[in-house]
N, C-alpha and C. Protein backbone atom coordinates (compact mmCIF):
# COMPACT_ATOMS: atom_id res chain seq x y z
N UNK A 1 8.71 23.39 2.75
CA UNK A 1 9.25 23.31 4.28
C UNK A 1 8.16 22.20 4.82
N UNK A 2 7.11 21.83 4.33
CA UNK A 2 6.25 20.98 5.15
C UNK A 2 6.63 19.51 4.63
N UNK A 3 7.50 19.47 3.33
CA UNK A 3 7.70 17.82 3.00
C UNK A 3 9.01 17.37 3.76
N UNK A 4 8.97 15.92 4.36
CA UNK A 4 10.45 15.83 4.78
C UNK A 4 10.19 14.15 4.06
N UNK A 5 11.45 14.24 3.43
CA UNK A 5 12.02 12.95 2.92
C UNK A 5 12.88 12.43 3.62
N UNK A 6 12.61 11.05 4.29
CA UNK A 6 13.58 10.08 4.92
C UNK A 6 14.66 9.01 3.78
N UNK A 7 15.85 9.21 3.79
CA UNK A 7 16.18 7.90 3.13
C UNK A 7 16.73 6.97 4.25
N UNK A 8 16.34 6.08 4.76
CA UNK A 8 17.02 5.03 5.85
C UNK A 8 16.21 4.10 5.99
N UNK A 9 16.47 2.84 6.39
CA UNK A 9 15.87 1.75 6.57
C UNK A 9 14.45 2.52 7.46
N UNK A 10 13.36 2.05 6.72
CA UNK A 10 12.08 2.75 7.33
C UNK A 10 11.70 1.68 8.57
N UNK A 11 12.20 0.88 8.71
CA UNK A 11 11.53 -0.04 9.82
C UNK A 11 12.34 0.58 11.27
N UNK A 12 13.82 0.49 10.82
CA UNK A 12 14.37 0.87 12.09
C UNK A 12 14.05 2.17 12.12
N UNK A 13 13.95 3.52 11.35
CA UNK A 13 13.52 4.51 11.53
C UNK A 13 12.67 4.85 12.51
N UNK A 14 11.40 4.19 12.02
CA UNK A 14 10.01 4.39 12.95
C UNK A 14 10.56 4.00 14.28
N UNK A 15 11.11 2.72 14.35
CA UNK A 15 11.12 1.95 15.74
C UNK A 15 12.10 3.33 17.01
N UNK A 16 12.95 4.12 15.83
CA UNK A 16 13.79 5.11 16.73
C UNK A 16 13.15 6.42 16.88
N UNK A 17 12.18 6.71 15.81
CA UNK A 17 11.63 8.21 15.85
C UNK A 17 11.21 8.57 17.08
N UNK A 18 11.32 9.79 17.60
CA UNK A 18 10.45 10.18 18.52
C UNK A 18 8.79 10.30 18.37
N UNK A 19 8.05 9.78 19.64
CA UNK A 19 6.65 9.21 19.53
C UNK A 19 6.09 10.89 18.93
N UNK A 20 6.64 11.80 19.24
CA UNK A 20 5.68 13.16 19.09
C UNK A 20 6.48 13.33 17.54
N UNK A 21 6.90 12.73 16.90
CA UNK A 21 7.20 12.99 15.30
C UNK A 21 5.79 12.01 14.74
N UNK A 22 5.02 13.19 13.79
CA UNK A 22 3.69 12.51 13.55
C UNK A 22 3.86 13.46 12.09
N UNK A 23 2.88 12.72 11.14
CA UNK A 23 2.63 13.21 9.57
C UNK A 23 1.29 13.25 9.49
N UNK A 24 1.54 14.14 8.36
CA UNK A 24 -0.21 14.38 8.01
C UNK A 24 -0.50 13.37 6.80
N UNK A 25 0.34 12.85 6.16
CA UNK A 25 0.55 11.90 4.93
C UNK A 25 1.72 11.01 5.04
N UNK A 26 1.41 9.57 4.22
CA UNK A 26 2.64 8.82 4.18
C UNK A 26 2.21 8.30 2.93
N UNK A 27 3.66 8.64 1.94
CA UNK A 27 3.66 7.62 0.62
C UNK A 27 4.39 6.82 1.01
N UNK A 28 4.11 5.37 0.74
CA UNK A 28 5.10 4.36 0.97
C UNK A 28 5.41 3.87 -0.48
N UNK A 29 6.62 3.76 -0.73
CA UNK A 29 6.56 3.51 -2.62
C UNK A 29 8.06 2.51 -2.28
N UNK A 30 8.07 1.58 -1.42
CA UNK A 30 9.05 0.68 -1.54
C UNK A 30 9.30 -0.29 -2.65
N UNK A 31 10.44 -0.83 -2.72
CA UNK A 31 10.63 -2.10 -3.82
C UNK A 31 9.76 -3.00 -3.75
N UNK A 32 9.29 -3.67 -4.54
CA UNK A 32 8.31 -5.04 -4.27
C UNK A 32 9.15 -6.06 -3.36
N UNK A 33 8.19 -7.22 -2.88
CA UNK A 33 8.64 -7.75 -1.75
C UNK A 33 9.29 -8.74 -2.06
N UNK A 34 10.24 -8.99 -2.69
CA UNK A 34 10.60 -9.82 -3.46
C UNK A 34 11.92 -11.00 -2.78
N UNK A 35 12.11 -10.22 -1.32
CA UNK A 35 13.32 -10.83 -0.33
C UNK A 35 12.44 -10.32 0.71
N UNK A 36 13.25 -11.15 2.12
CA UNK A 36 12.47 -10.86 3.27
C UNK A 36 12.71 -9.49 3.87
N UNK A 37 13.97 -9.09 3.70
CA UNK A 37 14.59 -7.77 3.97
C UNK A 37 13.62 -6.68 3.33
N UNK A 38 12.96 -6.92 2.25
CA UNK A 38 12.16 -5.99 1.80
C UNK A 38 11.03 -6.19 2.46
N UNK A 39 10.47 -7.67 2.52
CA UNK A 39 9.13 -7.98 2.97
C UNK A 39 8.83 -7.48 4.43
N UNK A 40 9.72 -7.32 5.11
CA UNK A 40 9.60 -6.60 6.46
C UNK A 40 8.59 -5.35 6.35
N UNK A 41 8.95 -4.84 5.34
CA UNK A 41 8.20 -3.37 5.11
C UNK A 41 7.01 -3.48 4.80
N UNK A 42 6.39 -4.65 4.36
CA UNK A 42 5.14 -4.98 4.15
C UNK A 42 4.34 -5.59 5.16
N UNK A 43 5.01 -5.74 6.41
CA UNK A 43 4.19 -6.54 7.65
C UNK A 43 3.35 -5.71 8.30
N UNK A 44 2.62 -6.17 9.33
CA UNK A 44 1.45 -5.83 10.27
C UNK A 44 2.46 -4.92 11.09
N UNK A 45 3.84 -5.44 11.64
CA UNK A 45 4.75 -4.86 12.30
C UNK A 45 5.03 -3.23 11.91
N UNK A 46 5.44 -3.25 10.46
CA UNK A 46 5.67 -1.92 9.95
C UNK A 46 4.82 -1.21 10.01
N UNK A 47 3.45 -1.72 9.59
CA UNK A 47 2.28 -1.06 9.45
C UNK A 47 2.02 -0.36 10.70
N UNK A 48 2.03 -1.35 11.96
CA UNK A 48 1.56 -0.83 12.97
C UNK A 48 2.43 0.30 13.63
N UNK A 49 3.75 0.53 13.09
CA UNK A 49 5.00 1.29 13.56
C UNK A 49 4.48 2.81 12.77
N UNK A 50 4.02 2.46 11.50
CA UNK A 50 3.93 3.72 10.69
C UNK A 50 2.55 4.06 11.54
N UNK A 51 1.31 3.69 11.85
CA UNK A 51 0.46 4.02 12.08
C UNK A 51 0.55 4.56 13.61
N UNK A 52 1.34 4.60 14.36
CA UNK A 52 1.98 5.37 15.50
C UNK A 52 2.43 6.62 15.16
N UNK A 53 3.01 7.00 14.15
CA UNK A 53 3.58 8.23 13.65
C UNK A 53 2.81 8.81 12.69
N UNK A 54 1.52 8.83 12.78
CA UNK A 54 0.30 9.42 11.64
C UNK A 54 -0.44 10.30 12.35
N UNK A 55 -0.82 11.51 12.14
CA UNK A 55 -1.69 11.93 12.58
C UNK A 55 -3.01 11.63 12.85
N UNK A 56 -4.17 11.76 13.09
CA UNK A 56 -5.32 10.84 13.00
C UNK A 56 -6.25 11.30 11.81
N UNK A 57 -6.38 10.01 11.19
CA UNK A 57 -6.95 10.33 10.03
C UNK A 57 -6.25 10.45 8.60
N UNK A 58 -4.78 10.55 8.95
CA UNK A 58 -4.06 10.91 8.01
C UNK A 58 -3.97 9.65 6.96
N UNK A 59 -3.85 10.17 5.71
CA UNK A 59 -3.93 9.05 4.49
C UNK A 59 -2.64 8.58 4.25
N UNK A 60 -2.83 7.41 3.86
CA UNK A 60 -1.34 6.63 3.64
C UNK A 60 -1.73 5.82 2.15
N UNK A 61 -0.67 5.74 1.35
CA UNK A 61 -0.80 5.51 0.03
C UNK A 61 0.36 4.26 -0.25
N UNK A 62 0.13 3.25 -0.16
CA UNK A 62 1.19 2.13 -0.32
C UNK A 62 1.25 1.42 -1.66
N UNK A 63 2.35 1.49 -2.44
CA UNK A 63 2.75 0.69 -3.56
C UNK A 63 2.43 -0.93 -3.68
N UNK A 64 1.52 -1.28 -4.10
CA UNK A 64 0.94 -2.71 -3.80
C UNK A 64 1.31 -3.57 -4.70
N UNK A 65 2.24 -3.72 -6.18
CA UNK A 65 2.52 -4.24 -6.86
C UNK A 65 1.47 -4.44 -7.88
N UNK A 66 1.25 -5.60 -8.66
CA UNK A 66 0.42 -5.54 -9.84
C UNK A 66 -0.89 -6.64 -9.42
N UNK A 67 -2.16 -5.95 -9.16
CA UNK A 67 -3.31 -6.78 -9.09
C UNK A 67 -3.74 -7.95 -10.22
N UNK A 68 -3.33 -7.55 -11.35
CA UNK A 68 -3.48 -8.19 -12.37
C UNK A 68 -2.27 -9.39 -12.54
N UNK A 69 -1.10 -9.02 -12.32
CA UNK A 69 0.09 -9.79 -12.69
C UNK A 69 0.21 -11.05 -11.52
N UNK A 70 -0.05 -10.12 -9.90
CA UNK A 70 0.54 -10.70 -8.70
C UNK A 70 -0.86 -10.38 -8.00
N UNK A 71 -1.87 -11.16 -8.31
CA UNK A 71 -3.16 -10.72 -7.72
C UNK A 71 -2.94 -11.12 -5.85
N UNK A 72 -2.68 -12.34 -5.84
CA UNK A 72 -2.73 -12.44 -4.28
C UNK A 72 -1.84 -12.04 -3.59
N UNK A 73 -0.74 -11.42 -4.21
CA UNK A 73 0.13 -10.23 -3.22
C UNK A 73 -0.60 -9.27 -3.03
N UNK A 74 -1.08 -8.75 -3.87
CA UNK A 74 -1.94 -7.47 -3.85
C UNK A 74 -2.68 -7.41 -2.73
N UNK A 75 -3.56 -8.27 -2.83
CA UNK A 75 -4.68 -8.54 -1.88
C UNK A 75 -4.30 -8.78 -0.43
N UNK A 76 -3.00 -9.68 -0.40
CA UNK A 76 -2.12 -9.88 0.99
C UNK A 76 -1.79 -8.44 1.58
N UNK A 77 -1.27 -7.52 0.81
CA UNK A 77 -0.98 -6.16 1.15
C UNK A 77 -2.09 -5.45 1.68
N UNK A 78 -3.24 -5.48 1.46
CA UNK A 78 -4.43 -4.79 1.64
C UNK A 78 -4.83 -5.73 2.75
N UNK A 79 -4.80 -6.75 3.03
CA UNK A 79 -5.13 -8.02 4.38
C UNK A 79 -4.45 -7.11 5.57
N UNK A 80 -2.93 -7.10 4.86
CA UNK A 80 -2.03 -6.63 6.13
C UNK A 80 -2.21 -5.53 6.75
N UNK A 81 -2.71 -4.71 5.74
CA UNK A 81 -2.84 -3.11 6.30
C UNK A 81 -4.44 -3.28 7.05
N UNK A 82 -5.11 -3.74 6.75
CA UNK A 82 -6.45 -4.13 7.55
C UNK A 82 -5.82 -4.88 8.99
N UNK A 83 -5.16 -5.79 8.79
CA UNK A 83 -4.92 -6.39 10.15
C UNK A 83 -3.93 -5.66 11.11
N UNK A 84 -3.44 -4.42 10.56
CA UNK A 84 -2.37 -3.38 11.32
C UNK A 84 -3.63 -2.41 11.97
N UNK A 85 -5.02 -2.44 11.65
CA UNK A 85 -5.82 -1.51 12.19
C UNK A 85 -6.29 -0.47 11.17
N UNK A 86 -5.77 -0.23 9.79
CA UNK A 86 -5.96 0.87 8.83
C UNK A 86 -7.56 0.46 8.37
N UNK A 87 -8.04 1.26 7.93
CA UNK A 87 -9.35 1.09 7.21
C UNK A 87 -8.55 1.36 5.69
N UNK A 88 -9.28 0.63 4.53
CA UNK A 88 -8.45 0.72 3.19
C UNK A 88 -9.30 0.72 2.31
N UNK A 89 -9.03 1.43 0.75
CA UNK A 89 -9.31 1.17 -0.08
C UNK A 89 -8.46 1.19 -1.29
N UNK A 90 -8.56 -0.15 -1.68
CA UNK A 90 -7.45 -0.14 -2.71
C UNK A 90 -7.96 0.00 -4.24
N UNK A 91 -6.87 0.14 -5.08
CA UNK A 91 -6.93 0.96 -6.51
C UNK A 91 -6.03 0.79 -7.33
N UNK A 92 -6.17 0.60 -8.54
CA UNK A 92 -5.13 0.19 -9.63
C UNK A 92 -5.47 1.47 -10.77
N UNK A 93 -4.09 1.52 -11.44
CA UNK A 93 -3.97 2.16 -12.71
C UNK A 93 -2.90 1.86 -13.38
N UNK A 94 -3.11 2.32 -14.93
CA UNK A 94 -2.38 1.81 -15.95
C UNK A 94 -0.91 2.71 -15.60
N UNK A 95 0.13 2.42 -15.40
CA UNK A 95 1.49 2.91 -15.46
C UNK A 95 2.34 2.52 -16.61
N UNK A 96 2.63 3.66 -17.33
CA UNK A 96 3.25 3.38 -18.69
C UNK A 96 4.56 2.60 -18.71
N UNK A 97 5.33 2.57 -17.66
CA UNK A 97 6.52 1.39 -17.78
C UNK A 97 6.17 0.22 -17.00
N UNK A 98 4.99 0.22 -16.68
CA UNK A 98 4.84 -0.86 -15.36
C UNK A 98 3.69 -1.79 -16.21
N UNK A 99 2.65 -1.24 -16.65
CA UNK A 99 1.28 -1.85 -16.97
C UNK A 99 0.52 -1.60 -15.75
N UNK A 100 -0.57 -2.65 -15.49
CA UNK A 100 -1.16 -2.13 -14.62
C UNK A 100 -0.88 -2.46 -13.44
N UNK A 101 -0.84 -1.40 -12.40
CA UNK A 101 -0.30 -1.29 -10.95
C UNK A 101 -1.07 -1.28 -10.08
N UNK A 102 -1.13 -1.44 -8.79
CA UNK A 102 -2.06 -1.14 -7.71
C UNK A 102 -1.32 -0.73 -6.36
N UNK A 103 -2.27 -0.08 -6.04
CA UNK A 103 -2.17 0.87 -4.71
C UNK A 103 -2.96 0.67 -3.47
N UNK A 104 -2.76 0.77 -2.25
CA UNK A 104 -3.79 0.80 -1.24
C UNK A 104 -3.93 2.08 -0.70
N UNK A 105 -4.99 2.56 -0.60
CA UNK A 105 -5.05 4.03 -0.04
C UNK A 105 -5.79 3.62 1.57
N UNK A 106 -5.35 4.27 2.51
CA UNK A 106 -5.64 3.68 3.79
C UNK A 106 -5.67 4.67 4.78
N UNK A 107 -6.25 4.51 5.76
CA UNK A 107 -6.01 5.82 6.74
C UNK A 107 -6.48 5.05 8.19
N UNK A 108 -5.98 5.83 9.47
CA UNK A 108 -6.68 5.28 10.69
C UNK A 108 -7.96 5.24 10.87
N UNK A 109 -8.60 5.98 10.11
CA UNK A 109 -10.21 6.13 10.52
C UNK A 109 -10.93 5.46 8.97
N UNK A 110 -11.98 5.47 9.16
CA UNK A 110 -12.89 4.86 8.23
C UNK A 110 -13.25 6.18 7.14
N UNK A 111 -12.84 5.93 5.96
CA UNK A 111 -13.12 6.75 4.83
C UNK A 111 -14.08 6.24 3.52
N UNK A 112 -14.56 7.20 2.67
CA UNK A 112 -15.09 6.50 1.55
C UNK A 112 -14.01 6.49 0.70
N UNK A 113 -14.69 6.07 -0.36
CA UNK A 113 -13.80 5.77 -1.77
C UNK A 113 -13.92 7.57 -2.08
N UNK A 114 -12.94 8.11 -2.20
CA UNK A 114 -12.62 9.50 -3.31
C UNK A 114 -13.51 9.55 -4.32
N UNK A 115 -14.66 10.44 -4.72
CA UNK A 115 -15.54 10.46 -5.73
C UNK A 115 -15.00 11.61 -6.37
N UNK A 116 -14.39 12.79 -6.06
CA UNK A 116 -13.72 13.93 -6.93
C UNK A 116 -12.56 14.18 -6.63
N UNK A 117 -11.95 14.79 -7.77
CA UNK A 117 -10.55 15.32 -7.62
C UNK A 117 -10.71 16.25 -6.82
N UNK A 118 -9.22 16.98 -6.25
CA UNK A 118 -9.04 18.15 -5.40
C UNK A 118 -9.05 19.33 -6.30
N UNK A 119 -8.59 19.21 -7.69
CA UNK A 119 -8.78 20.21 -8.41
C UNK A 119 -8.46 19.73 -9.80
N UNK A 120 -8.78 20.82 -10.93
CA UNK A 120 -8.91 20.38 -12.07
C UNK A 120 -7.21 19.53 -12.76
N UNK A 121 -7.37 18.55 -12.97
CA UNK A 121 -5.98 17.94 -13.60
C UNK A 121 -6.01 17.55 -14.97
N UNK A 122 -4.87 17.32 -15.53
CA UNK A 122 -4.91 17.10 -17.02
C UNK A 122 -5.33 15.77 -17.47
N UNK A 123 -4.84 14.56 -16.53
CA UNK A 123 -5.30 13.40 -16.90
C UNK A 123 -6.22 12.73 -15.82
N UNK A 124 -6.50 13.41 -14.77
CA UNK A 124 -7.46 12.59 -13.80
C UNK A 124 -8.78 13.55 -13.43
N UNK A 125 -9.90 12.77 -13.89
CA UNK A 125 -10.92 13.25 -13.90
C UNK A 125 -11.82 12.45 -12.83
N UNK A 126 -12.80 13.07 -12.70
CA UNK A 126 -13.96 12.65 -11.27
C UNK A 126 -14.22 11.01 -11.56
N UNK A 127 -14.56 10.87 -13.20
CA UNK A 127 -14.85 9.33 -13.80
C UNK A 127 -13.90 8.56 -13.65
N UNK A 128 -12.33 8.70 -14.29
CA UNK A 128 -11.09 7.98 -14.22
C UNK A 128 -10.79 7.77 -12.64
N UNK A 129 -10.92 8.74 -11.54
CA UNK A 129 -10.75 8.30 -10.36
C UNK A 129 -11.44 7.15 -9.68
N UNK A 130 -12.81 7.45 -10.11
CA UNK A 130 -13.84 6.34 -9.44
C UNK A 130 -13.37 4.90 -10.06
N UNK A 131 -13.22 4.89 -11.34
CA UNK A 131 -12.78 3.83 -12.09
C UNK A 131 -11.73 2.94 -11.57
N UNK A 132 -10.85 3.81 -10.78
CA UNK A 132 -9.50 3.24 -10.26
C UNK A 132 -9.92 2.47 -9.20
N UNK A 133 -10.94 2.54 -8.53
CA UNK A 133 -11.22 1.82 -7.38
C UNK A 133 -12.41 0.40 -7.54
N UNK A 134 -12.46 0.31 -8.78
CA UNK A 134 -13.49 -0.49 -9.10
C UNK A 134 -12.23 -1.76 -10.01
N UNK A 135 -12.45 -2.94 -9.64
CA UNK A 135 -11.88 -4.11 -10.19
C UNK A 135 -12.36 -5.53 -10.76
N UNK A 136 -12.06 -5.35 -12.03
CA UNK A 136 -12.88 -6.34 -12.82
C UNK A 136 -12.52 -7.60 -12.29
N UNK A 137 -13.29 -8.75 -12.57
CA UNK A 137 -13.15 -10.06 -12.12
C UNK A 137 -11.88 -10.44 -12.13
N UNK A 138 -10.90 -10.62 -13.05
CA UNK A 138 -9.40 -10.82 -12.98
C UNK A 138 -8.62 -10.27 -12.11
N UNK A 139 -9.17 -9.35 -11.28
CA UNK A 139 -8.25 -8.53 -10.44
C UNK A 139 -8.82 -8.30 -9.21
N UNK A 140 -10.43 -9.24 -8.91
CA UNK A 140 -11.25 -8.97 -8.01
C UNK A 140 -10.67 -9.67 -6.65
N UNK A 141 -10.93 -9.31 -5.55
CA UNK A 141 -10.51 -9.53 -4.00
C UNK A 141 -10.28 -11.05 -3.93
N UNK A 142 -9.30 -11.73 -3.46
CA UNK A 142 -9.09 -13.09 -2.80
C UNK A 142 -8.93 -13.10 -1.63
N UNK A 143 -9.41 -13.98 -0.89
CA UNK A 143 -8.86 -14.49 0.24
C UNK A 143 -7.16 -14.48 0.71
N UNK A 144 -6.83 -13.56 1.35
CA UNK A 144 -5.10 -13.35 1.91
C UNK A 144 -5.10 -13.36 3.44
N UNK A 145 -3.99 -14.03 3.64
CA UNK A 145 -3.35 -13.86 5.03
C UNK A 145 -2.53 -12.64 5.24
N UNK A 146 -2.69 -11.81 6.11
CA UNK A 146 -1.87 -10.80 6.49
C UNK A 146 -0.16 -11.34 6.45
N UNK A 147 0.52 -10.45 5.85
CA UNK A 147 1.92 -11.05 6.01
C UNK A 147 2.57 -10.25 7.75
N UNK A 148 3.20 -11.22 8.08
CA UNK A 148 3.57 -10.44 9.49
C UNK A 148 5.40 -11.05 9.45
N UNK A 149 5.94 -10.31 10.39
CA UNK A 149 7.28 -10.32 10.52
C UNK A 149 8.27 -12.09 10.65
N UNK A 150 7.18 -12.50 11.46
CA UNK A 150 7.41 -13.86 11.70
C UNK A 150 6.88 -14.88 10.96
N UNK A 151 6.29 -14.38 10.13
CA UNK A 151 5.46 -15.14 8.94
C UNK A 151 5.38 -14.57 7.41
N UNK A 152 6.46 -14.30 6.60
CA UNK A 152 6.22 -13.50 5.67
C UNK A 152 5.68 -14.29 4.25
N UNK A 153 4.59 -14.81 4.45
CA UNK A 153 4.01 -15.45 3.31
C UNK A 153 3.87 -14.34 1.80
N UNK A 154 3.79 -12.98 2.34
CA UNK A 154 3.68 -12.19 1.00
C UNK A 154 5.11 -12.29 0.16
N UNK A 155 6.58 -12.80 0.74
CA UNK A 155 7.45 -12.85 -0.33
C UNK A 155 7.36 -14.30 -0.74
N UNK A 156 6.91 -15.19 -0.38
CA UNK A 156 6.48 -16.42 -1.09
C UNK A 156 5.32 -16.44 -2.19
N UNK A 157 4.01 -15.69 -1.76
CA UNK A 157 3.36 -15.33 -2.98
C UNK A 157 3.99 -14.58 -3.95
N UNK A 158 4.55 -13.28 -3.61
CA UNK A 158 5.22 -12.57 -4.47
C UNK A 158 6.27 -13.58 -5.66
N UNK A 159 7.07 -14.00 -4.92
CA UNK A 159 7.93 -14.84 -5.99
C UNK A 159 7.12 -15.68 -6.81
N UNK A 160 6.34 -16.62 -6.34
CA UNK A 160 5.76 -17.47 -7.21
C UNK A 160 4.66 -16.75 -8.21
N UNK A 161 4.11 -15.57 -7.73
CA UNK A 161 3.14 -14.99 -8.79
C UNK A 161 4.10 -14.45 -9.91
N UNK A 162 5.43 -13.87 -9.63
CA UNK A 162 6.17 -13.15 -10.69
C UNK A 162 7.00 -14.25 -11.32
N UNK A 163 7.01 -15.34 -11.07
CA UNK A 163 8.05 -16.17 -11.37
C UNK A 163 7.05 -16.67 -12.67
N UNK A 164 5.87 -16.80 -12.73
CA UNK A 164 5.20 -16.98 -13.99
C UNK A 164 5.37 -16.12 -15.41
N UNK A 165 5.84 -15.12 -15.03
CA UNK A 165 6.00 -14.33 -15.88
C UNK A 165 7.52 -13.82 -16.53
N UNK A 166 8.60 -14.62 -15.82
CA UNK A 166 9.98 -14.50 -16.21
C UNK A 166 10.29 -15.39 -17.23
């Protein structure tokens, strides 16, 4: 009863949602930003709209492509969230069908990297969770410009980076 799944254009939905509509958590799992219509969902404008609909301190997890295969794209998404006013903690893990994949954990308030799992889980331990927030040299942060609605640099980065692997 506490979960709400919305199947709609996220940008339009957030623009039209009542201001009182606020969430305790947002899991943002969009397709990769390979077109401008999807790239708009990775902009400072979108994240600012999302921020308006979050409870104070609510966590957000954003699917952020592969920091190994599309490093500049990954760090652009992190820079975009920060430019929209979020505190961020990027992380990565191995996804069997995708390889090394990245995400950004964000919040409207500053927070530390999680150090303990919430409960006993089969595949996630305190040690493996801490390792997800550590980046080796080939995935380490690189300077990145935020992705904006009027300058979707992310779409260009993403297309160029993934083209190398096709």
